[in-house]
PDB file of N, CA and C in Angstrom:
ATOM      1  N   MET A   1      -9.371  10.021   4.938  1.00  0.00           N
ATOM      2  CA  MET A   1     -10.079   9.124   3.935  1.00  0.00           C
ATOM      3  C   MET A   1     -10.482   7.936   4.677  1.00  0.00           C
ATOM      4  N   HIS A   2     -11.772   7.493   4.476  1.00  0.00           N
ATOM      5  CA  HIS A   2     -12.365   6.323   5.282  1.00  0.00           C
ATOM      6  C   HIS A   2     -13.434   5.714   4.395  1.00  0.00           C
ATOM      7  N   CYS A   3     -13.407   4.375   4.303  1.00  0.00           N
ATOM      8  CA  CYS A   3     -14.542   3.693   3.639  1.00  0.00           C
ATOM      9  C   CYS A   3     -15.574   3.352   4.736  1.00  0.00           C
ATOM     10  N   LYS A   4     -16.692   2.808   4.310  1.00  0.00           N
ATOM     11  CA  LYS A   4     -17.833   2.491   5.163  1.00  0.00           C
ATOM     12  C   LYS A   4     -17.383   1.724   6.372  1.00  0.00           C
ATOM     13  N   GLY A   5     -16.703   0.626   6.183  1.00  0.00           N
ATOM     14  CA  GLY A   5     -16.249  -0.249   7.280  1.00  0.00           C
ATOM     15  C   GLY A   5     -14.934   0.112   7.930  1.00  0.00           C
ATOM     16  N   GLY A   6     -14.047   0.942   7.149  1.00  0.00           N
ATOM     17  CA  GLY A   6     -12.757   1.364   7.681  1.00  0.00           C
ATOM     18  C   GLY A   6     -11.765   0.269   7.667  1.00  0.00           C
ATOM     19  N   VAL A   7     -11.935  -0.782   6.813  1.00  0.00           N
ATOM     20  CA  VAL A   7     -11.037  -1.874   6.865  1.00  0.00           C
ATOM     21  C   VAL A   7     -10.462  -2.205   5.496  1.00  0.00           C
ATOM     22  N   GLY A   8     -11.204  -2.404   4.407  1.00  0.00           N
ATOM     23  CA  GLY A   8     -10.816  -2.726   3.137  1.00  0.00           C
ATOM     24  C   GLY A   8     -10.059  -1.663   2.362  1.00  0.00           C
ATOM     25  N   ARG A   9     -10.815  -0.746   1.899  1.00  0.00           N
ATOM     26  CA  ARG A   9     -10.215   0.321   1.129  1.00  0.00           C
ATOM     27  C   ARG A   9      -9.333   1.313   1.947  1.00  0.00           C
ATOM     28  N   ALA A  10      -9.866   1.561   3.213  1.00  0.00           N
ATOM     29  CA  ALA A  10      -9.043   2.428   4.071  1.00  0.00           C
ATOM     30  C   ALA A  10      -7.759   1.782   4.447  1.00  0.00           C
ATOM     31  N   GLY A  11      -7.753   0.385   4.628  1.00  0.00           N
ATOM     32  CA  GLY A  11      -6.561  -0.312   4.879  1.00  0.00           C
ATOM     33  C   GLY A  11      -5.623  -0.267   3.782  1.00  0.00           C
ATOM     34  N   LEU A  12      -6.126  -0.433   2.459  1.00  0.00           N
ATOM     35  CA  LEU A  12      -5.385  -0.257   1.273  1.00  0.00           C
ATOM     36  C   LEU A  12      -4.629   1.017   1.181  1.00  0.00           C
ATOM     37  N   VAL A  13      -5.358   2.100   1.486  1.00  0.00           N
ATOM     38  CA  VAL A  13      -4.738   3.405   1.409  1.00  0.00           C
ATOM     39  C   VAL A  13      -3.694   3.620   2.484  1.00  0.00           C
ATOM     40  N   ALA A  14      -3.934   3.041   3.658  1.00  0.00           N
ATOM     41  CA  ALA A  14      -2.982   3.078   4.781  1.00  0.00           C
ATOM     42  C   ALA A  14      -1.713   2.305   4.348  1.00  0.00           C
ATOM     43  N   ALA A  15      -1.816   1.181   3.776  1.00  0.00           N
ATOM     44  CA  ALA A  15      -0.705   0.430   3.328  1.00  0.00           C
ATOM     45  C   ALA A  15       0.085   1.152   2.321  1.00  0.00           C
ATOM     46  N   CYS A  16      -0.588   1.827   1.380  1.00  0.00           N
ATOM     47  CA  CYS A  16       0.104   2.609   0.383  1.00  0.00           C
ATOM     48  C   CYS A  16       0.848   3.828   0.982  1.00  0.00           C
ATOM     49  N   VAL A  17       0.212   4.434   1.972  1.00  0.00           N
ATOM     50  CA  VAL A  17       0.846   5.593   2.693  1.00  0.00           C
ATOM     51  C   VAL A  17       2.105   5.161   3.367  1.00  0.00           C
ATOM     52  N   LEU A  18       2.131   3.967   3.999  1.00  0.00           N
ATOM     53  CA  LEU A  18       3.310   3.437   4.610  1.00  0.00           C
ATOM     54  C   LEU A  18       4.362   3.243   3.661  1.00  0.00           C
ATOM     55  N   LEU A  19       4.040   2.754   2.369  1.00  0.00           N
ATOM     56  CA  LEU A  19       5.050   2.633   1.369  1.00  0.00           C
ATOM     57  C   LEU A  19       5.583   3.971   0.940  1.00  0.00           C
ATOM     58  N   ALA A  20       4.665   4.879   0.706  1.00  0.00           N
ATOM     59  CA  ALA A  20       5.044   6.198   0.148  1.00  0.00           C
ATOM     60  C   ALA A  20       5.887   6.956   1.104  1.00  0.00           C
ATOM     61  N   THR A  21       5.733   6.788   2.378  1.00  0.00           N
ATOM     62  CA  THR A  21       6.460   7.552   3.414  1.00  0.00           C
ATOM     63  C   THR A  21       7.737   6.701   3.842  1.00  0.00           C
ATOM     64  N   GLU A  22       7.898   5.535   3.265  1.00  0.00           N
ATOM     65  CA  GLU A  22       8.978   4.627   3.625  1.00  0.00           C
ATOM     66  C   GLU A  22       8.988   4.248   5.068  1.00  0.00           C
ATOM     67  N   ALA A  23       7.806   4.105   5.563  1.00  0.00           N
ATOM     68  CA  ALA A  23       7.689   3.498   6.996  1.00  0.00           C
ATOM     69  C   ALA A  23       7.749   2.042   6.784  1.00  0.00           C
ATOM     70  N   GLN A  24       7.416   1.505   5.707  1.00  0.00           N
ATOM     71  CA  GLN A  24       7.519   0.041   5.319  1.00  0.00           C
ATOM     72  C   GLN A  24       8.172  -0.028   3.922  1.00  0.00           C
ATOM     73  N   SER A  25       8.916  -1.104   3.766  1.00  0.00           N
ATOM     74  CA  SER A  25       9.665  -1.097   2.490  1.00  0.00           C
ATOM     75  C   SER A  25       8.958  -2.138   1.498  1.00  0.00           C
ATOM     76  N   THR A  26       8.124  -2.974   1.969  1.00  0.00           N
ATOM     77  CA  THR A  26       7.437  -3.909   1.032  1.00  0.00           C
ATOM     78  C   THR A  26       5.944  -3.937   1.182  1.00  0.00           C
ATOM     79  N   ALA A  27       5.278  -4.263   0.173  1.00  0.00           N
ATOM     80  CA  ALA A  27       3.802  -4.362   0.285  1.00  0.00           C
ATOM     81  C   ALA A  27       3.353  -5.303   1.374  1.00  0.00           C
ATOM     82  N   ALA A  28       4.076  -6.431   1.423  1.00  0.00           N
ATOM     83  CA  ALA A  28       3.646  -7.449   2.451  1.00  0.00           C
ATOM     84  C   ALA A  28       3.877  -6.917   3.872  1.00  0.00           C
ATOM     85  N   ASP A  29       4.926  -6.193   4.108  1.00  0.00           N
ATOM     86  CA  ASP A  29       5.266  -5.556   5.388  1.00  0.00           C
ATOM     87  C   ASP A  29       4.227  -4.475   5.696  1.00  0.00           C
ATOM     88  N   ALA A  30       3.853  -3.727   4.703  1.00  0.00           N
ATOM     89  CA  ALA A  30       2.896  -2.622   4.913  1.00  0.00           C
ATOM     90  C   ALA A  30       1.532  -3.171   5.315  1.00  0.00           C
ATOM     91  N   ILE A  31       1.088  -4.226   4.563  1.00  0.00           N
ATOM     92  CA  ILE A  31      -0.158  -4.820   4.889  1.00  0.00           C
ATOM     93  C   ILE A  31      -0.171  -5.412   6.260  1.00  0.00           C
ATOM     94  N   ALA A  32       0.940  -6.126   6.570  1.00  0.00           N
ATOM     95  CA  ALA A  32       1.025  -6.776   7.934  1.00  0.00           C
ATOM     96  C   ALA A  32       0.900  -5.658   8.950  1.00  0.00           C
ATOM     97  N   GLU A  33       1.543  -4.553   8.779  1.00  0.00           N
ATOM     98  CA  GLU A  33       1.508  -3.471   9.772  1.00  0.00           C
ATOM     99  C   GLU A  33       0.143  -2.902   9.954  1.00  0.00           C
ATOM    100  N   VAL A  34      -0.511  -2.704   8.867  1.00  0.00           N
ATOM    101  CA  VAL A  34      -1.921  -2.242   8.970  1.00  0.00           C
ATOM    102  C   VAL A  34      -2.782  -3.216   9.651  1.00  0.00           C
ATOM    103  N   ARG A  35      -2.667  -4.480   9.330  1.00  0.00           N
ATOM    104  CA  ARG A  35      -3.435  -5.556   9.993  1.00  0.00           C
ATOM    105  C   ARG A  35      -3.098  -5.625  11.545  1.00  0.00           C
ATOM    106  N   ARG A  36      -1.856  -5.435  11.833  1.00  0.00           N
ATOM    107  CA  ARG A  36      -1.464  -5.496  13.175  1.00  0.00           C
ATOM    108  C   ARG A  36      -2.051  -4.337  13.997  1.00  0.00           C
ATOM    109  N   ARG A  37      -2.073  -3.117  13.374  1.00  0.00           N
ATOM    110  CA  ARG A  37      -2.569  -1.996  14.088  1.00  0.00           C
ATOM    111  C   ARG A  37      -4.059  -1.820  13.966  1.00  0.00           C
ATOM    112  N   ARG A  38      -4.735  -2.238  12.890  1.00  0.00           N
ATOM    113  CA  ARG A  38      -6.112  -1.979  12.659  1.00  0.00           C
ATOM    114  C   ARG A  38      -6.989  -3.242  13.038  1.00  0.00           C
ATOM    115  N   CYS A  39      -6.814  -4.255  12.218  1.00  0.00           N
ATOM    116  CA  CYS A  39      -7.458  -5.526  12.593  1.00  0.00           C
ATOM    117  C   CYS A  39      -7.022  -6.563  11.571  1.00  0.00           C
ATOM    118  N   LYS A  40      -7.130  -7.798  11.884  1.00  0.00           N
ATOM    119  CA  LYS A  40      -6.633  -8.943  11.145  1.00  0.00           C
ATOM    120  C   LYS A  40      -7.095  -8.955   9.741  1.00  0.00           C
ATOM    121  N   THR A  41      -8.257  -8.405   9.424  1.00  0.00           N
ATOM    122  CA  THR A  41      -8.858  -8.449   8.065  1.00  0.00           C
ATOM    123  C   THR A  41      -8.708  -7.250   7.342  1.00  0.00           C
ATOM    124  N   ALA A  42      -7.865  -6.293   7.773  1.00  0.00           N
ATOM    125  CA  ALA A  42      -7.681  -5.052   6.961  1.00  0.00           C
ATOM    126  C   ALA A  42      -6.951  -5.424   5.652  1.00  0.00           C
ATOM    127  N   VAL A  43      -7.263  -4.681   4.680  1.00  0.00           N
ATOM    128  CA  VAL A  43      -6.923  -4.985   3.252  1.00  0.00           C
ATOM    129  C   VAL A  43      -7.620  -6.337   3.022  1.00  0.00           C
ATOM    130  N   GLU A  44      -8.896  -6.333   2.732  1.00  0.00           N
ATOM    131  CA  GLU A  44      -9.703  -7.446   2.814  1.00  0.00           C
ATOM    132  C   GLU A  44      -9.569  -8.418   1.739  1.00  0.00           C
ATOM    133  N   THR A  45      -9.374  -7.988   0.528  1.00  0.00           N
ATOM    134  CA  THR A  45      -9.422  -8.905  -0.700  1.00  0.00           C
ATOM    135  C   THR A  45      -8.083  -9.106  -1.345  1.00  0.00           C
ATOM    136  N   THR A  46      -7.989 -10.174  -2.115  1.00  0.00           N
ATOM    137  CA  THR A  46      -6.801 -10.418  -2.866  1.00  0.00           C
ATOM    138  C   THR A  46      -6.543  -9.290  -3.758  1.00  0.00           C
ATOM    139  N   ARG A  47      -7.567  -8.821  -4.385  1.00  0.00           N
ATOM    140  CA  ARG A  47      -7.462  -7.643  -5.362  1.00  0.00           C
ATOM    141  C   ARG A  47      -6.761  -6.467  -4.687  1.00  0.00           C
ATOM    142  N   GLN A  48      -7.258  -6.169  -3.469  1.00  0.00           N
ATOM    143  CA  GLN A  48      -6.645  -5.016  -2.728  1.00  0.00           C
ATOM    144  C   GLN A  48      -5.185  -5.317  -2.372  1.00  0.00           C
ATOM    145  N   GLU A  49      -4.882  -6.547  -1.985  1.00  0.00           N
ATOM    146  CA  GLU A  49      -3.436  -6.862  -1.740  1.00  0.00           C
ATOM    147  C   GLU A  49      -2.701  -6.703  -2.986  1.00  0.00           C
ATOM    148  N   GLU A  50      -3.133  -7.175  -4.163  1.00  0.00           N
ATOM    149  CA  GLU A  50      -2.469  -6.991  -5.429  1.00  0.00           C
ATOM    150  C   GLU A  50      -2.250  -5.537  -5.826  1.00  0.00           C
ATOM    151  N   PHE A  51      -3.224  -4.661  -5.416  1.00  0.00           N
ATOM    152  CA  PHE A  51      -3.053  -3.313  -5.742  1.00  0.00           C
ATOM    153  C   PHE A  51      -1.891  -2.687  -4.965  1.00  0.00           C
ATOM    154  N   VAL A  52      -1.753  -3.026  -3.707  1.00  0.00           N
ATOM    155  CA  VAL A  52      -0.702  -2.531  -2.847  1.00  0.00           C
ATOM    156  C   VAL A  52       0.633  -3.044  -3.443  1.00  0.00           C
ATOM    157  N   ALA A  53       0.698  -4.280  -3.856  1.00  0.00           N
ATOM    158  CA  ALA A  53       1.887  -4.811  -4.503  1.00  0.00           C
ATOM    159  C   ALA A  53       2.264  -4.023  -5.764  1.00  0.00           C
ATOM    160  N   LYS A  54       1.196  -3.775  -6.636  1.00  0.00           N
ATOM    161  CA  LYS A  54       1.465  -3.005  -7.804  1.00  0.00           C
ATOM    162  C   LYS A  54       1.931  -1.592  -7.496  1.00  0.00           C
ATOM    163  N   TYR A  55       1.414  -0.987  -6.407  1.00  0.00           N
ATOM    164  CA  TYR A  55       1.828   0.355  -5.986  1.00  0.00           C
ATOM    165  C   TYR A  55       3.282   0.288  -5.580  1.00  0.00           C
ATOM    166  N   GLU A  56       3.697  -0.761  -4.838  1.00  0.00           N
ATOM    167  CA  GLU A  56       5.028  -0.882  -4.511  1.00  0.00           C
ATOM    168  C   GLU A  56       5.983  -0.931  -5.747  1.00  0.00           C
ATOM    169  N   ALA A  57       5.561  -1.745  -6.686  1.00  0.00           N
ATOM    170  CA  ALA A  57       6.327  -1.835  -7.913  1.00  0.00           C
ATOM    171  C   ALA A  57       6.400  -0.555  -8.634  1.00  0.00           C
ATOM    172  N   TRP A  58       5.310   0.186  -8.660  1.00  0.00           N
ATOM    173  CA  TRP A  58       5.278   1.581  -9.285  1.00  0.00           C
ATOM    174  C   TRP A  58       6.230   2.481  -8.625  1.00  0.00           C
ATOM    175  N   MET A  59       6.278   2.376  -7.250  1.00  0.00           N
ATOM    176  CA  MET A  59       7.204   3.291  -6.426  1.00  0.00           C
ATOM    177  C   MET A  59       8.602   2.869  -6.750  1.00  0.00           C
ATOM    178  N   ARG A  60       8.886   1.640  -6.852  1.00  0.00           N
ATOM    179  CA  ARG A  60      10.290   1.171  -7.117  1.00  0.00           C
ATOM    180  C   ARG A  60      10.693   1.560  -8.515  1.00  0.00           C
ATOM    181  N   ALA A  61       9.834   1.479  -9.464  1.00  0.00           N
ATOM    182  CA  ALA A  61      10.126   1.883 -10.834  1.00  0.00           C
ATOM    183  C   ALA A  61      10.513   3.405 -10.890  1.00  0.00           C
ATOM    184  N   GLY A  62       9.793   4.145 -10.104  1.00  0.00           N
ATOM    185  CA  GLY A  62      10.048   5.588 -10.011  1.00  0.00           C
ATOM    186  C   GLY A  62      11.418   5.905  -9.428  1.00  0.00           C
ATOM    187  N   GLU A  63      11.788   5.065  -8.402  1.00  0.00           N
ATOM    188  CA  GLU A  63      13.130   5.246  -7.781  1.00  0.00           C
ATOM    189  C   GLU A  63      14.184   4.928  -8.752  1.00  0.00           C
ATOM    190  N   ALA A  64      13.957   3.958  -9.634  1.00  0.00           N
ATOM    191  CA  ALA A  64      15.000   3.568 -10.534  1.00  0.00           C
ATOM    192  C   ALA A  64      15.237   4.480 -11.745  1.00  0.00           C
ATOM    193  N   GLY A  65      14.135   5.186 -12.010  1.00  0.00           N
ATOM    194  CA  GLY A  65      14.274   6.122 -13.202  1.00  0.00           C
ATOM    195  C   GLY A  65      13.854   7.540 -12.959  1.00  0.00           C
ATOM    196  N   GLY A  66      14.113   8.033 -11.744  1.00  0.00           N
ATOM    197  CA  GLY A  66      13.582   9.349 -11.493  1.00  0.00           C
ATOM    198  C   GLY A  66      12.327   9.304 -10.784  1.00  0.00           C
ATOM    199  N   GLU A  67      11.449  10.287 -11.089  1.00  0.00           N
ATOM    200  CA  GLU A  67      10.132  10.336 -10.535  1.00  0.00           C
ATOM    201  C   GLU A  67       9.261   9.269 -11.222  1.00  0.00           C
ATOM    202  N   ALA A  68       8.350   8.634 -10.408  1.00  0.00           N
ATOM    203  CA  ALA A  68       7.422   7.720 -10.929  1.00  0.00           C
ATOM    204  C   ALA A  68       6.533   8.435 -11.965  1.00  0.00           C
ATOM    205  N   GLY A  69       6.435   7.839 -13.129  1.00  0.00           N
ATOM    206  CA  GLY A  69       5.673   8.379 -14.202  1.00  0.00           C
ATOM    207  C   GLY A  69       6.375   9.323 -15.115  1.00  0.00           C
ATOM    208  N   ASP A  70       7.675   9.544 -14.809  1.00  0.00           N
ATOM    209  CA  ASP A  70       8.468  10.465 -15.621  1.00  0.00           C
ATOM    210  C   ASP A  70       8.611   9.892 -17.029  1.00  0.00           C
ATOM    211  N   GLU A  71       8.487  10.737 -18.048  1.00  0.00           N
ATOM    212  CA  GLU A  71       8.612  10.253 -19.415  1.00  0.00           C
ATOM    213  C   GLU A  71       9.954  10.485 -19.952  1.00  0.00           C
ATOM    214  N   GLY A  72      10.892  11.038 -19.236  1.00  0.00           N
ATOM    215  CA  GLY A  72      12.191  11.210 -19.762  1.00  0.00           C
ATOM    216  C   GLY A  72      12.839  12.353 -19.149  1.00  0.00           C
TER     217      GLY A  72
END
């Protein structure tokens, strides 16, 4: 998966993959790792950063109550 520039949306997905695979444990660490490996501007916008943070929260909620999105 790749966006036109390979920085914003692609960086967002890469950060989420790092969280999903437990290669990084926090959104901030995942974003920092993507920026370190790709470029300083990866995950370009505040909105993209917020998405990664919400994804981390969603992942943690799933860990606390079984599978993420489980209804019971």
